Amino acid sequence: MNISVTLAVISLIFMGLSSFMNKVAVSNGLYFPPLLMIINVCYIVMALIIHMNQKQPFVITPRMLGIGSLVGLFGSIGYVCMFYALNNGGMGSVVFPIVGLSLIVSVILSIAIYQEPLTVGRIVGLGLGLGSIILLSR
């Protein structure tokens, strides 16, 4: 297994744990605006640890500011909507698979914008992924 796939599998595990902990937070009645701030403090601490180990200059460019702001805005909207869905009685076994459909948006945009190859295997994989998520959310 190459390093990219290994790191992707590790990401899958930890992102899954992160999503599950959102359900734990809602089940424990935690108010999510301060929870979101705590989560983001953890992101900042991790970014600082990585930065200190990389030994590169800390530079923020206008392009980085724009892209980072969009990522933060899109992620925040998605996170808040997911929390409201869970908080309004949504079952994790339904909400998480639907949120998981976000990968289809990412794959389609990657193919359209970066001209990544669209193979039969990828089309079948997207279809199977979509089908499994639909079945999981019922």
Protein backbone atom coordinates (compact mmCIF):
# COMPACT_ATOMS: atom_id res chain seq x y z
CA MET A 1 0.00 0.00 0.00
CA ASN A 2 1.50 3.37 -0.95
CA ILE A 3 1.81 6.28 1.49
CA SER A 4 -1.12 8.23 -0.02
CA VAL A 5 -3.52 5.33 0.46
CA THR A 6 -2.17 4.63 3.96
CA LEU A 7 -2.66 8.26 4.97
CA ALA A 8 -6.14 8.28 3.40
CA VAL A 9 -7.11 5.20 5.45
CA ILE A 10 -5.79 6.84 8.63
CA SER A 11 -7.80 9.95 7.70
CA LEU A 12 -10.90 7.81 7.14
CA ILE A 13 -10.58 6.33 10.63
CA PHE A 14 -10.01 9.64 12.41
CA MET A 15 -12.64 11.54 10.41
CA GLY A 16 -15.09 8.76 11.25
CA LEU A 17 -14.21 9.05 14.93
CA SER A 18 -14.58 12.82 14.68
CA SER A 19 -18.04 12.47 13.12
CA PHE A 20 -19.11 9.97 15.75
CA MET A 21 -17.94 12.33 18.51
CA ASN A 22 -20.32 14.94 17.08
CA LYS A 23 -23.17 12.55 17.83
CA VAL A 24 -21.72 11.99 21.32
CA ALA A 25 -21.65 15.78 21.83
CA VAL A 26 -25.28 16.17 20.74
CA SER A 27 -26.34 13.17 22.87
CA ASN A 28 -24.74 14.86 25.87
CA GLY A 29 -26.62 18.10 25.21
CA LEU A 30 -23.53 20.16 24.43
CA TYR A 31 -24.20 23.59 22.95
CA PHE A 32 -22.32 23.51 19.68
CA PRO A 33 -21.06 27.11 19.11
CA PRO A 34 -18.52 26.86 21.96
CA LEU A 35 -17.86 23.24 20.95
CA LEU A 36 -17.00 24.44 17.42
CA MET A 37 -14.59 26.98 18.92
CA ILE A 38 -12.89 24.28 21.00
CA ILE A 39 -12.61 22.06 17.92
CA ASN A 40 -11.01 24.91 16.00
CA VAL A 41 -8.54 25.61 18.80
CA CYS A 42 -7.44 21.99 18.38
CA TYR A 43 -6.97 22.62 14.64
CA ILE A 44 -4.88 25.71 15.42
CA VAL A 45 -2.70 23.82 17.90
CA MET A 46 -2.15 21.01 15.38
CA ALA A 47 -1.30 23.54 12.66
CA LEU A 48 1.24 25.21 14.97
CA ILE A 49 2.84 21.86 15.84
CA ILE A 50 3.12 20.97 12.16
CA HIS A 51 4.49 24.42 11.34
CA MET A 52 7.19 24.22 14.03
CA ASN A 53 8.31 20.84 12.66
CA GLN A 54 8.34 21.93 9.02
CA LYS A 55 10.90 24.74 9.54
CA GLN A 56 9.33 26.93 6.86
CA PRO A 57 8.55 30.65 7.07
CA PHE A 58 5.06 31.49 8.29
CA VAL A 59 3.61 33.38 5.33
CA ILE A 60 -0.03 34.13 4.59
CA THR A 61 -0.69 35.16 1.00
CA PRO A 62 -3.87 36.72 -0.40
CA ARG A 63 -4.56 33.49 -2.33
CA MET A 64 -4.15 31.44 0.86
CA LEU A 65 -6.43 33.82 2.74
CA GLY A 66 -9.12 33.55 0.06
CA ILE A 67 -8.99 29.77 -0.33
CA GLY A 68 -8.70 29.23 3.43
CA SER A 69 -11.67 31.49 4.05
CA LEU A 70 -13.80 29.58 1.54
CA VAL A 71 -12.77 26.23 3.03
CA GLY A 72 -13.63 27.55 6.50
CA LEU A 73 -16.94 29.01 5.37
CA PHE A 74 -18.03 25.87 3.50
CA GLY A 75 -16.88 23.61 6.33
CA SER A 76 -18.59 25.74 8.97
CA ILE A 77 -21.89 25.77 7.13
CA GLY A 78 -21.69 22.00 6.65
CA TYR A 79 -20.75 21.42 10.28
CA VAL A 80 -23.55 23.63 11.63
CA CYS A 81 -26.14 21.97 9.39
CA MET A 82 -24.94 18.54 10.49
CA PHE A 83 -25.20 19.57 14.16
CA TYR A 84 -28.71 20.95 13.64
CA ALA A 85 -29.70 17.72 11.86
CA LEU A 86 -28.40 15.62 14.78
CA ASN A 87 -29.84 18.02 17.35
CA ASN A 88 -33.28 17.88 15.73
CA GLY A 89 -33.60 14.14 16.17
CA GLY A 90 -31.52 12.98 13.22
CA MET A 91 -30.02 9.55 13.77
CA GLY A 92 -26.28 9.30 13.24
CA SER A 93 -26.85 6.22 11.10
CA VAL A 94 -28.90 8.42 8.72
CA VAL A 95 -27.17 11.81 8.96
CA PHE A 96 -23.57 10.58 8.60
CA PRO A 97 -24.14 8.61 5.38
CA ILE A 98 -25.92 11.59 3.82
CA VAL A 99 -23.06 13.89 4.86
CA GLY A 100 -20.74 11.24 3.41
CA LEU A 101 -22.17 11.99 -0.02
CA SER A 102 -19.90 15.04 0.07
CA LEU A 103 -17.22 12.83 -1.48
CA ILE A 104 -19.28 12.71 -4.67
CA VAL A 105 -19.19 16.51 -4.89
CA SER A 106 -15.40 16.45 -4.37
CA VAL A 107 -14.83 13.75 -6.97
CA ILE A 108 -17.04 15.44 -9.59
CA LEU A 109 -15.32 18.80 -9.04
CA SER A 110 -11.87 17.16 -9.22
CA ILE A 111 -12.78 15.51 -12.51
CA ALA A 112 -14.33 18.69 -13.95
CA ILE A 113 -11.74 21.24 -12.81
CA TYR A 114 -8.49 19.24 -12.72
CA GLN A 115 -9.35 16.93 -15.64
CA GLU A 116 -8.70 13.85 -13.53
CA PRO A 117 -9.56 10.78 -15.57
CA LEU A 118 -13.14 9.50 -15.39
CA THR A 119 -12.81 5.74 -15.70
CA VAL A 120 -15.44 3.04 -15.71
CA GLY A 121 -14.10 1.88 -12.33
CA ARG A 122 -14.61 5.35 -10.84
CA ILE A 123 -18.13 5.61 -12.24
CA VAL A 124 -18.99 2.19 -10.82
CA GLY A 125 -17.33 3.14 -7.51
CA LEU A 126 -19.33 6.37 -7.26
CA GLY A 127 -22.51 4.47 -8.08
CA LEU A 128 -21.80 1.80 -5.48
CA GLY A 129 -20.86 4.45 -2.92
CA LEU A 130 -24.06 6.37 -3.62
CA GLY A 131 -26.10 3.17 -3.43
CA SER A 132 -24.54 2.11 -0.14
CA ILE A 133 -25.12 5.52 1.40
CA ILE A 134 -28.76 5.49 0.27
CA LEU A 135 -29.22 2.03 1.79
CA LEU A 136 -27.47 3.04 5.03
CA SER A 137 -29.64 6.13 5.45
CA ARG A 138 -32.96 4.27 5.22
